[in-house]
Amino acid sequence: MENVASEEEIRKNILEMKDTIQQISKSVNAPAGFEYKSRVSIFGIPLVHIHFGKLFHVGVFPYNNACVAKGIFAAGDLAVGVVSFGAASFGIISLGGAAIGLLSVGIVAVGGLALGFSSIGIYAIGCAAMGIHAAVGISVSARTAVGTEEVKGLYQMLLGHENRSISMVQDFLLSHNPHMPRWLAWFMAWFVR
């Protein structure tokens, strides 16, 4: 005969575990979070807003209590601003785990110029990069694609270990994207050198 716990026993065990975790987090003086909002605002938006939640959050759905920072300069669990930094970040210049912006840098980055482990953008740089005009990285796909392992695109350059000249890659990018700024072609070529 199977020994199956009742629904009531499971609930009781979960509550006991939750209490234990809360006691442990109290004993290690876990910070209760942090928020700072500058007094200066532009059109009602704070110049600086920083908002991070508890270090140790206890609950079944911890993302429900994410702290949102909204400001010209924003930093937090979820950051929205002209310049933003957070676990999830949205802004013109965006840095974070997941970043969306005109210039975005993150583990997952989406934007005009996207730089990340996985990136999607008009111009993309990353291990797995997908660009509209150009992409560089390990596995890439774009109109003009330069990669070290896998390349898909109208104009393709697969780099071996011996031919990784910055000027060669820069010239290739510029020849197929004459509208691309020279500094951007150099910057992209630098990543696959």
N, C-alpha and C. Protein backbone atom coordinates (compact mmCIF):
# COMPACT_ATOMS: atom_id res chain seq x y z
N MET A 1 0.84 -1.18 0.00
CA MET A 1 0.00 0.00 0.00
C MET A 1 0.88 1.24 0.00
N GLU A 2 0.53 2.23 -0.84
CA GLU A 2 1.31 3.45 -0.98
C GLU A 2 1.07 4.40 0.19
N ASN A 3 2.13 5.11 0.57
CA ASN A 3 2.04 6.11 1.62
C ASN A 3 1.92 7.47 0.94
N VAL A 4 0.71 7.97 0.76
CA VAL A 4 0.45 9.22 0.07
C VAL A 4 -0.02 10.26 1.07
N ALA A 5 0.63 11.43 1.03
CA ALA A 5 0.27 12.52 1.94
C ALA A 5 -1.03 13.17 1.47
N SER A 6 -1.83 13.56 2.43
CA SER A 6 -3.08 14.24 2.09
C SER A 6 -2.78 15.69 1.70
N GLU A 7 -3.75 16.31 1.09
CA GLU A 7 -3.59 17.70 0.67
C GLU A 7 -3.36 18.60 1.88
N GLU A 8 -4.01 18.30 2.99
CA GLU A 8 -3.85 19.08 4.22
C GLU A 8 -2.43 18.93 4.78
N GLU A 9 -1.86 17.73 4.74
CA GLU A 9 -0.49 17.51 5.21
C GLU A 9 0.51 18.28 4.35
N ILE A 10 0.28 18.30 3.04
CA ILE A 10 1.17 19.02 2.12
C ILE A 10 1.12 20.51 2.42
N ARG A 11 -0.07 21.08 2.61
CA ARG A 11 -0.20 22.50 2.94
C ARG A 11 0.51 22.82 4.25
N LYS A 12 0.35 21.94 5.25
CA LYS A 12 0.99 22.15 6.54
C LYS A 12 2.51 22.16 6.39
N ASN A 13 3.05 21.22 5.60
CA ASN A 13 4.50 21.15 5.37
C ASN A 13 5.01 22.40 4.65
N ILE A 14 4.26 22.89 3.69
CA ILE A 14 4.65 24.09 2.95
C ILE A 14 4.69 25.29 3.89
N LEU A 15 3.68 25.43 4.76
CA LEU A 15 3.66 26.54 5.71
C LEU A 15 4.83 26.45 6.69
N GLU A 16 5.17 25.24 7.14
CA GLU A 16 6.31 25.07 8.04
C GLU A 16 7.61 25.46 7.33
N MET A 17 7.77 25.06 6.06
CA MET A 17 8.97 25.42 5.31
C MET A 17 9.05 26.92 5.12
N LYS A 18 7.91 27.55 4.83
CA LYS A 18 7.90 29.01 4.64
C LYS A 18 8.31 29.72 5.92
N ASP A 19 7.80 29.27 7.07
CA ASP A 19 8.17 29.86 8.35
C ASP A 19 9.66 29.69 8.62
N THR A 20 10.18 28.51 8.32
CA THR A 20 11.62 28.24 8.53
C THR A 20 12.47 29.16 7.67
N ILE A 21 12.10 29.32 6.42
CA ILE A 21 12.85 30.18 5.50
C ILE A 21 12.80 31.63 5.98
N GLN A 22 11.64 32.09 6.45
CA GLN A 22 11.52 33.45 6.95
C GLN A 22 12.40 33.65 8.19
N GLN A 23 12.45 32.66 9.07
CA GLN A 23 13.30 32.76 10.25
C GLN A 23 14.77 32.82 9.86
N ILE A 24 15.17 32.01 8.89
CA ILE A 24 16.57 32.02 8.44
C ILE A 24 16.91 33.37 7.84
N SER A 25 16.03 33.91 6.97
CA SER A 25 16.34 35.19 6.34
C SER A 25 16.38 36.32 7.37
N LYS A 26 15.59 36.25 8.43
CA LYS A 26 15.66 37.25 9.50
C LYS A 26 16.97 37.13 10.27
N SER A 27 17.42 35.90 10.47
CA SER A 27 18.64 35.70 11.25
C SER A 27 19.89 36.14 10.51
N VAL A 28 19.86 36.17 9.18
CA VAL A 28 21.03 36.64 8.42
C VAL A 28 20.88 38.11 8.04
N ASN A 29 19.91 38.80 8.65
CA ASN A 29 19.69 40.22 8.41
C ASN A 29 19.53 40.54 6.93
N ALA A 30 18.66 39.81 6.26
CA ALA A 30 18.41 40.06 4.85
C ALA A 30 17.82 41.45 4.67
N PRO A 31 18.38 42.24 3.75
CA PRO A 31 17.86 43.58 3.54
C PRO A 31 16.41 43.55 3.06
N ALA A 32 15.65 44.53 3.48
CA ALA A 32 14.24 44.59 3.14
C ALA A 32 14.00 45.30 1.82
N GLY A 33 15.03 45.57 1.06
CA GLY A 33 14.87 46.28 -0.20
C GLY A 33 15.36 47.71 -0.05
N PHE A 34 15.35 48.42 -1.17
CA PHE A 34 15.88 49.77 -1.16
C PHE A 34 15.14 50.59 -2.20
N GLU A 35 14.81 51.81 -1.85
CA GLU A 35 14.21 52.72 -2.83
C GLU A 35 14.73 54.13 -2.60
N TYR A 36 15.08 54.78 -3.71
CA TYR A 36 15.49 56.18 -3.69
C TYR A 36 14.84 56.85 -4.90
N LYS A 37 14.22 57.98 -4.64
CA LYS A 37 13.62 58.77 -5.71
C LYS A 37 14.09 60.20 -5.54
N SER A 38 14.72 60.76 -6.57
CA SER A 38 15.23 62.13 -6.46
C SER A 38 14.08 63.12 -6.40
N ARG A 39 14.33 64.24 -5.76
CA ARG A 39 13.31 65.30 -5.67
C ARG A 39 13.16 66.02 -6.99
N VAL A 40 14.24 66.03 -7.78
CA VAL A 40 14.22 66.71 -9.08
C VAL A 40 13.48 65.81 -10.07
N SER A 41 12.55 66.42 -10.78
CA SER A 41 11.82 65.66 -11.80
C SER A 41 11.70 66.49 -13.07
N ILE A 42 11.54 65.80 -14.18
CA ILE A 42 11.34 66.44 -15.49
C ILE A 42 10.02 65.94 -16.03
N PHE A 43 9.08 66.86 -16.24
CA PHE A 43 7.72 66.53 -16.68
C PHE A 43 7.08 65.48 -15.78
N GLY A 44 7.33 65.59 -14.48
CA GLY A 44 6.74 64.67 -13.50
C GLY A 44 7.45 63.34 -13.37
N ILE A 45 8.52 63.13 -14.12
CA ILE A 45 9.29 61.89 -14.04
C ILE A 45 10.55 62.17 -13.23
N PRO A 46 10.80 61.36 -12.20
CA PRO A 46 12.00 61.60 -11.37
C PRO A 46 13.28 61.53 -12.21
N LEU A 47 14.23 62.38 -11.89
CA LEU A 47 15.52 62.34 -12.57
C LEU A 47 16.21 61.00 -12.29
N VAL A 48 16.19 60.56 -11.03
CA VAL A 48 16.78 59.28 -10.64
C VAL A 48 15.75 58.51 -9.81
N HIS A 49 15.54 57.24 -10.16
CA HIS A 49 14.69 56.37 -9.35
C HIS A 49 15.37 55.01 -9.26
N ILE A 50 15.69 54.59 -8.04
CA ILE A 50 16.30 53.30 -7.78
C ILE A 50 15.35 52.52 -6.88
N HIS A 51 14.99 51.30 -7.28
CA HIS A 51 14.04 50.53 -6.49
C HIS A 51 14.33 49.04 -6.63
N PHE A 52 14.94 48.47 -5.60
CA PHE A 52 15.22 47.04 -5.56
C PHE A 52 14.44 46.42 -4.43
N GLY A 53 13.98 45.19 -4.64
CA GLY A 53 13.20 44.49 -3.63
C GLY A 53 14.07 43.75 -2.63
N LYS A 54 13.44 42.90 -1.83
CA LYS A 54 14.14 42.12 -0.82
C LYS A 54 15.16 41.20 -1.47
N LEU A 55 16.25 40.99 -0.75
CA LEU A 55 17.26 40.06 -1.23
C LEU A 55 16.72 38.63 -1.24
N PHE A 56 16.05 38.24 -0.14
CA PHE A 56 15.45 36.91 -0.06
C PHE A 56 13.93 37.09 -0.05
N HIS A 57 13.29 36.76 -1.14
CA HIS A 57 11.84 36.87 -1.19
C HIS A 57 11.24 35.49 -1.03
N VAL A 58 10.29 35.37 -0.15
CA VAL A 58 9.65 34.09 0.08
C VAL A 58 8.26 34.14 -0.51
N GLY A 59 7.94 33.17 -1.31
CA GLY A 59 6.62 33.10 -1.89
C GLY A 59 6.63 32.20 -3.10
N VAL A 60 5.45 31.84 -3.52
CA VAL A 60 5.33 30.94 -4.66
C VAL A 60 5.66 31.68 -5.95
N PHE A 61 5.25 32.94 -6.06
CA PHE A 61 5.48 33.73 -7.27
C PHE A 61 6.24 35.00 -6.91
N PRO A 62 7.56 34.93 -6.72
CA PRO A 62 8.31 36.13 -6.29
C PRO A 62 8.28 37.25 -7.31
N TYR A 63 8.07 36.96 -8.60
CA TYR A 63 8.05 38.01 -9.60
C TYR A 63 6.84 38.90 -9.48
N ASN A 64 5.83 38.48 -8.74
CA ASN A 64 4.65 39.34 -8.56
C ASN A 64 4.98 40.58 -7.75
N ASN A 65 6.05 40.51 -6.98
CA ASN A 65 6.42 41.62 -6.11
C ASN A 65 7.63 42.38 -6.64
N ALA A 66 7.88 42.32 -7.93
CA ALA A 66 9.02 43.02 -8.51
C ALA A 66 8.86 44.52 -8.27
N CYS A 67 9.97 45.15 -7.96
CA CYS A 67 9.96 46.58 -7.72
C CYS A 67 10.25 47.30 -9.03
N VAL A 68 9.38 48.23 -9.40
CA VAL A 68 9.52 48.95 -10.66
C VAL A 68 10.15 50.31 -10.39
N ALA A 69 11.21 50.61 -11.14
CA ALA A 69 11.85 51.92 -11.06
C ALA A 69 11.54 52.67 -12.35
N LYS A 70 10.96 53.86 -12.24
CA LYS A 70 10.63 54.68 -13.41
C LYS A 70 11.27 56.04 -13.23
N GLY A 71 12.18 56.37 -14.15
CA GLY A 71 12.85 57.65 -14.05
C GLY A 71 13.71 57.91 -15.27
N ILE A 72 14.25 59.12 -15.37
CA ILE A 72 15.18 59.40 -16.46
C ILE A 72 16.35 58.43 -16.35
N PHE A 73 16.92 58.30 -15.15
CA PHE A 73 17.91 57.27 -14.83
C PHE A 73 17.21 56.32 -13.87
N ALA A 74 17.00 55.06 -14.31
CA ALA A 74 16.25 54.10 -13.51
C ALA A 74 17.06 52.84 -13.27
N ALA A 75 17.00 52.33 -12.04
CA ALA A 75 17.65 51.07 -11.70
C ALA A 75 16.75 50.31 -10.74
N GLY A 76 16.55 49.02 -11.02
CA GLY A 76 15.72 48.23 -10.13
C GLY A 76 15.45 46.85 -10.69
N ASP A 77 14.57 46.14 -9.99
CA ASP A 77 14.18 44.81 -10.47
C ASP A 77 13.64 44.93 -11.89
N LEU A 78 12.78 45.89 -12.10
CA LEU A 78 12.24 46.23 -13.41
C LEU A 78 12.48 47.73 -13.59
N ALA A 79 13.29 48.09 -14.59
CA ALA A 79 13.67 49.50 -14.75
C ALA A 79 13.15 50.05 -16.08
N VAL A 80 12.52 51.22 -16.02
CA VAL A 80 12.00 51.89 -17.20
C VAL A 80 12.51 53.33 -17.16
N GLY A 81 13.29 53.71 -18.17
CA GLY A 81 13.83 55.06 -18.19
C GLY A 81 14.63 55.35 -19.43
N VAL A 82 15.09 56.57 -19.56
CA VAL A 82 15.95 56.93 -20.69
C VAL A 82 17.21 56.09 -20.61
N VAL A 83 17.83 56.07 -19.43
CA VAL A 83 18.96 55.17 -19.14
C VAL A 83 18.47 54.24 -18.04
N SER A 84 18.47 52.93 -18.32
CA SER A 84 17.90 51.99 -17.36
C SER A 84 18.82 50.81 -17.12
N PHE A 85 18.79 50.31 -15.87
CA PHE A 85 19.59 49.16 -15.46
C PHE A 85 18.74 48.30 -14.53
N GLY A 86 18.56 47.02 -14.88
CA GLY A 86 17.79 46.15 -14.02
C GLY A 86 17.72 44.73 -14.53
N ALA A 87 17.09 43.88 -13.75
CA ALA A 87 16.91 42.49 -14.17
C ALA A 87 16.16 42.49 -15.51
N ALA A 88 15.13 43.29 -15.61
CA ALA A 88 14.44 43.57 -16.87
C ALA A 88 14.52 45.07 -17.05
N SER A 89 14.97 45.50 -18.22
CA SER A 89 15.28 46.90 -18.42
C SER A 89 14.73 47.41 -19.75
N PHE A 90 14.06 48.55 -19.71
CA PHE A 90 13.49 49.16 -20.90
C PHE A 90 13.92 50.62 -20.95
N GLY A 91 14.55 51.05 -22.06
CA GLY A 91 14.96 52.44 -22.16
C GLY A 91 15.72 52.71 -23.45
N ILE A 92 16.10 53.95 -23.65
CA ILE A 92 16.89 54.29 -24.82
C ILE A 92 18.25 53.61 -24.70
N ILE A 93 18.89 53.75 -23.54
CA ILE A 93 20.10 52.99 -23.23
C ILE A 93 19.71 52.04 -22.12
N SER A 94 19.77 50.74 -22.42
CA SER A 94 19.23 49.75 -21.52
C SER A 94 20.24 48.66 -21.21
N LEU A 95 20.49 48.41 -19.92
CA LEU A 95 21.41 47.37 -19.48
C LEU A 95 20.68 46.47 -18.50
N GLY A 96 20.75 45.16 -18.71
CA GLY A 96 20.09 44.27 -17.77
C GLY A 96 20.09 42.84 -18.23
N GLY A 97 19.52 41.98 -17.42
CA GLY A 97 19.39 40.57 -17.79
C GLY A 97 18.62 40.45 -19.09
N ALA A 98 17.49 41.08 -19.15
CA ALA A 98 16.70 41.21 -20.37
C ALA A 98 16.61 42.71 -20.65
N ALA A 99 17.18 43.14 -21.78
CA ALA A 99 17.25 44.58 -22.08
C ALA A 99 16.60 44.88 -23.42
N ILE A 100 15.75 45.90 -23.42
CA ILE A 100 15.12 46.36 -24.65
C ILE A 100 15.34 47.86 -24.74
N GLY A 101 15.93 48.30 -25.88
CA GLY A 101 16.19 49.72 -26.04
C GLY A 101 16.87 50.03 -27.35
N LEU A 102 17.09 51.31 -27.60
CA LEU A 102 17.81 51.72 -28.80
C LEU A 102 19.22 51.14 -28.76
N LEU A 103 19.90 51.29 -27.62
CA LEU A 103 21.17 50.62 -27.36
C LEU A 103 20.91 49.69 -26.19
N SER A 104 20.97 48.38 -26.42
CA SER A 104 20.66 47.43 -25.35
C SER A 104 21.80 46.45 -25.15
N VAL A 105 22.12 46.24 -23.87
CA VAL A 105 23.17 45.30 -23.49
C VAL A 105 22.59 44.41 -22.40
N GLY A 106 22.61 43.09 -22.64
CA GLY A 106 22.07 42.17 -21.65
C GLY A 106 22.31 40.73 -22.03
N ILE A 107 21.88 39.83 -21.17
CA ILE A 107 21.95 38.42 -21.51
C ILE A 107 21.07 38.20 -22.74
N VAL A 108 19.87 38.75 -22.69
CA VAL A 108 18.99 38.80 -23.85
C VAL A 108 18.81 40.28 -24.17
N ALA A 109 19.19 40.67 -25.39
CA ALA A 109 19.14 42.09 -25.76
C ALA A 109 18.36 42.26 -27.06
N VAL A 110 17.46 43.23 -27.06
CA VAL A 110 16.66 43.55 -28.25
C VAL A 110 16.73 45.06 -28.44
N GLY A 111 17.09 45.49 -29.66
CA GLY A 111 17.15 46.93 -29.88
C GLY A 111 17.78 47.32 -31.19
N GLY A 112 18.01 48.62 -31.34
CA GLY A 112 18.67 49.14 -32.54
C GLY A 112 20.05 48.55 -32.67
N LEU A 113 20.88 48.72 -31.63
CA LEU A 113 22.18 48.06 -31.52
C LEU A 113 22.07 47.18 -30.29
N ALA A 114 22.03 45.86 -30.51
CA ALA A 114 21.84 44.91 -29.42
C ALA A 114 23.11 44.11 -29.20
N LEU A 115 23.55 44.06 -27.95
CA LEU A 115 24.75 43.33 -27.58
C LEU A 115 24.39 42.41 -26.43
N GLY A 116 24.47 41.09 -26.68
CA GLY A 116 24.13 40.16 -25.62
C GLY A 116 24.44 38.73 -25.99
N PHE A 117 24.27 37.84 -25.02
CA PHE A 117 24.46 36.43 -25.30
C PHE A 117 23.53 36.04 -26.44
N SER A 118 22.30 36.45 -26.34
CA SER A 118 21.32 36.27 -27.40
C SER A 118 20.81 37.67 -27.75
N SER A 119 20.99 38.08 -29.01
CA SER A 119 20.63 39.46 -29.34
C SER A 119 19.86 39.53 -30.66
N ILE A 120 18.92 40.45 -30.69
CA ILE A 120 18.11 40.72 -31.88
C ILE A 120 18.07 42.23 -32.05
N GLY A 121 18.41 42.70 -33.26
CA GLY A 121 18.38 44.14 -33.47
C GLY A 121 18.62 44.52 -34.92
N ILE A 122 18.61 45.81 -35.18
CA ILE A 122 18.97 46.30 -36.50
C ILE A 122 20.42 45.90 -36.75
N TYR A 123 21.27 46.11 -35.73
CA TYR A 123 22.65 45.63 -35.70
C TYR A 123 22.76 44.80 -34.43
N ALA A 124 23.26 43.55 -34.56
CA ALA A 124 23.30 42.66 -33.41
C ALA A 124 24.68 42.05 -33.23
N ILE A 125 25.09 41.95 -31.97
CA ILE A 125 26.37 41.35 -31.61
C ILE A 125 26.08 40.35 -30.50
N GLY A 126 26.52 39.09 -30.69
CA GLY A 126 26.31 38.12 -29.63
C GLY A 126 26.63 36.71 -30.03
N CYS A 127 26.54 35.82 -29.06
CA CYS A 127 26.77 34.40 -29.36
C CYS A 127 25.73 33.93 -30.37
N ALA A 128 24.49 34.21 -30.10
CA ALA A 128 23.40 33.96 -31.05
C ALA A 128 22.83 35.33 -31.40
N ALA A 129 23.15 35.82 -32.60
CA ALA A 129 22.77 37.18 -32.97
C ALA A 129 21.95 37.18 -34.25
N MET A 130 20.85 37.93 -34.22
CA MET A 130 20.01 38.08 -35.40
C MET A 130 19.83 39.57 -35.66
N GLY A 131 20.27 40.02 -36.84
CA GLY A 131 20.18 41.44 -37.16
C GLY A 131 19.42 41.67 -38.46
N ILE A 132 18.91 42.87 -38.61
CA ILE A 132 18.25 43.23 -39.87
C ILE A 132 19.31 43.59 -40.90
N HIS A 133 20.19 44.53 -40.57
CA HIS A 133 21.24 44.94 -41.50
C HIS A 133 22.51 44.11 -41.33
N ALA A 134 22.98 43.94 -40.10
CA ALA A 134 24.23 43.22 -39.87
C ALA A 134 24.23 42.56 -38.51
N ALA A 135 24.95 41.42 -38.44
CA ALA A 135 25.12 40.71 -37.18
C ALA A 135 26.49 40.06 -37.17
N VAL A 136 27.12 40.07 -35.99
CA VAL A 136 28.40 39.40 -35.81
C VAL A 136 28.34 38.57 -34.53
N GLY A 137 29.07 37.47 -34.54
CA GLY A 137 29.11 36.62 -33.37
C GLY A 137 29.46 35.20 -33.71
N ILE A 138 28.96 34.26 -32.92
CA ILE A 138 29.26 32.85 -33.14
C ILE A 138 28.27 32.25 -34.13
N SER A 139 27.00 32.33 -33.82
CA SER A 139 25.96 31.84 -34.72
C SER A 139 25.08 33.03 -35.08
N VAL A 140 25.14 33.48 -36.35
CA VAL A 140 24.50 34.74 -36.70
C VAL A 140 23.61 34.61 -37.93
N SER A 141 22.64 35.51 -37.99
CA SER A 141 21.75 35.59 -39.15
C SER A 141 21.42 37.06 -39.38
N ALA A 142 21.66 37.55 -40.59
CA ALA A 142 21.37 38.94 -40.93
C ALA A 142 21.57 39.11 -42.43
N ARG A 143 21.19 40.28 -42.94
CA ARG A 143 21.48 40.60 -44.34
C ARG A 143 22.98 40.48 -44.59
N THR A 144 23.79 41.06 -43.69
CA THR A 144 25.24 40.92 -43.73
C THR A 144 25.65 40.23 -42.44
N ALA A 145 26.14 39.00 -42.55
CA ALA A 145 26.43 38.18 -41.38
C ALA A 145 27.89 37.78 -41.33
N VAL A 146 28.50 37.97 -40.17
CA VAL A 146 29.89 37.57 -39.95
C VAL A 146 29.91 36.73 -38.68
N GLY A 147 30.32 35.47 -38.83
CA GLY A 147 30.31 34.58 -37.68
C GLY A 147 31.49 33.64 -37.64
N THR A 148 31.65 32.99 -36.50
CA THR A 148 32.76 32.06 -36.33
C THR A 148 32.33 30.60 -36.43
N GLU A 149 31.04 30.30 -36.27
CA GLU A 149 30.57 28.92 -36.34
C GLU A 149 29.50 28.72 -37.40
N GLU A 150 28.45 29.55 -37.34
CA GLU A 150 27.32 29.39 -38.27
C GLU A 150 26.89 30.76 -38.76
N VAL A 151 26.69 30.86 -40.09
CA VAL A 151 26.37 32.14 -40.70
C VAL A 151 25.23 31.96 -41.69
N LYS A 152 24.19 32.81 -41.57
CA LYS A 152 23.08 32.81 -42.53
C LYS A 152 22.81 34.24 -42.93
N GLY A 153 22.77 34.50 -44.24
CA GLY A 153 22.47 35.84 -44.70
C GLY A 153 22.72 36.01 -46.18
N LEU A 154 22.32 37.15 -46.70
CA LEU A 154 22.54 37.46 -48.11
C LEU A 154 24.04 37.59 -48.38
N TYR A 155 24.75 38.28 -47.48
CA TYR A 155 26.21 38.41 -47.57
C TYR A 155 26.79 37.75 -46.33
N GLN A 156 27.63 36.73 -46.53
CA GLN A 156 28.12 35.93 -45.42
C GLN A 156 29.64 35.90 -45.36
N MET A 157 30.15 35.90 -44.14
CA MET A 157 31.59 35.71 -43.93
C MET A 157 31.75 34.78 -42.74
N LEU A 158 32.27 33.59 -43.01
CA LEU A 158 32.55 32.63 -41.95
C LEU A 158 34.04 32.72 -41.64
N LEU A 159 34.35 33.08 -40.43
CA LEU A 159 35.74 33.30 -40.04
C LEU A 159 36.34 32.03 -39.46
N GLY A 160 37.52 31.66 -39.96
CA GLY A 160 38.29 30.59 -39.34
C GLY A 160 39.15 31.18 -38.25
N HIS A 161 39.96 30.37 -37.64
CA HIS A 161 40.82 30.85 -36.55
C HIS A 161 41.99 31.67 -37.06
N GLU A 162 42.34 31.51 -38.33
CA GLU A 162 43.52 32.20 -38.86
C GLU A 162 43.23 33.56 -39.47
N ASN A 163 42.02 33.85 -39.88
CA ASN A 163 41.76 35.11 -40.59
C ASN A 163 40.76 35.99 -39.85
N ARG A 164 41.19 36.57 -38.75
CA ARG A 164 40.30 37.41 -37.96
C ARG A 164 40.80 38.84 -37.88
N SER A 165 41.09 39.44 -38.99
CA SER A 165 41.56 40.82 -39.03
C SER A 165 40.39 41.77 -38.86
N ILE A 166 40.54 42.74 -37.96
CA ILE A 166 39.48 43.73 -37.74
C ILE A 166 39.22 44.51 -39.02
N SER A 167 40.26 44.93 -39.70
CA SER A 167 40.08 45.74 -40.92
C SER A 167 39.40 44.93 -42.02
N MET A 168 39.67 43.63 -42.11
CA MET A 168 39.02 42.80 -43.12
C MET A 168 37.51 42.70 -42.86
N VAL A 169 37.15 42.45 -41.62
CA VAL A 169 35.73 42.34 -41.26
C VAL A 169 35.05 43.70 -41.40
N GLN A 170 35.71 44.76 -40.97
CA GLN A 170 35.15 46.11 -41.08
C GLN A 170 34.89 46.45 -42.55
N ASP A 171 35.84 46.18 -43.44
CA ASP A 171 35.66 46.45 -44.87
C ASP A 171 34.51 45.64 -45.44
N PHE A 172 34.37 44.38 -45.01
CA PHE A 172 33.27 43.53 -45.48
C PHE A 172 31.92 44.12 -45.06
N LEU A 173 31.81 44.53 -43.79
CA LEU A 173 30.56 45.12 -43.29
C LEU A 173 30.22 46.41 -44.04
N LEU A 174 31.22 47.27 -44.24
CA LEU A 174 30.98 48.55 -44.91
C LEU A 174 30.67 48.38 -46.39
N SER A 175 31.26 47.37 -47.03
CA SER A 175 31.00 47.18 -48.47
C SER A 175 29.56 46.77 -48.73
N HIS A 176 28.93 46.09 -47.77
CA HIS A 176 27.55 45.65 -47.95
C HIS A 176 26.55 46.52 -47.18
N ASN A 177 27.05 47.43 -46.38
CA ASN A 177 26.22 48.37 -45.62
C ASN A 177 26.83 49.76 -45.71
N PRO A 178 26.77 50.42 -46.87
CA PRO A 178 27.44 51.71 -47.02
C PRO A 178 26.90 52.80 -46.08
N HIS A 179 25.67 52.63 -45.57
CA HIS A 179 25.07 53.61 -44.66
C HIS A 179 25.56 53.42 -43.22
N MET A 180 26.23 52.30 -42.93
CA MET A 180 26.70 52.01 -41.58
C MET A 180 27.83 52.95 -41.18
N PRO A 181 27.75 53.55 -40.00
CA PRO A 181 28.85 54.39 -39.53
C PRO A 181 30.14 53.57 -39.41
N ARG A 182 31.24 54.18 -39.77
CA ARG A 182 32.53 53.49 -39.76
C ARG A 182 32.89 52.99 -38.35
N TRP A 183 32.60 53.80 -37.32
CA TRP A 183 32.90 53.40 -35.95
C TRP A 183 32.11 52.15 -35.56
N LEU A 184 30.87 52.03 -36.05
CA LEU A 184 30.04 50.87 -35.73
C LEU A 184 30.59 49.62 -36.41
N ALA A 185 31.03 49.76 -37.66
CA ALA A 185 31.64 48.62 -38.36
C ALA A 185 32.90 48.15 -37.62
N TRP A 186 33.72 49.11 -37.16
CA TRP A 186 34.91 48.75 -36.40
C TRP A 186 34.54 48.05 -35.10
N PHE A 187 33.55 48.61 -34.39
CA PHE A 187 33.10 48.06 -33.11
C PHE A 187 32.60 46.62 -33.28
N MET A 188 31.79 46.40 -34.32
CA MET A 188 31.28 45.05 -34.58
C MET A 188 32.41 44.10 -34.96
N ALA A 189 33.35 44.58 -35.78
CA ALA A 189 34.47 43.74 -36.21
C ALA A 189 35.37 43.39 -35.04
N TRP A 190 35.50 44.29 -34.08
CA TRP A 190 36.34 44.05 -32.91
C TRP A 190 35.88 42.81 -32.14
N PHE A 191 34.57 42.57 -32.11
CA PHE A 191 34.02 41.45 -31.34
C PHE A 191 34.33 40.08 -31.94
N VAL A 192 34.60 40.00 -33.22
CA VAL A 192 34.91 38.71 -33.85
C VAL A 192 36.36 38.58 -34.27
N ARG A 193 37.21 39.47 -33.80
CA ARG A 193 38.63 39.46 -34.20
C ARG A 193 39.32 38.18 -33.84
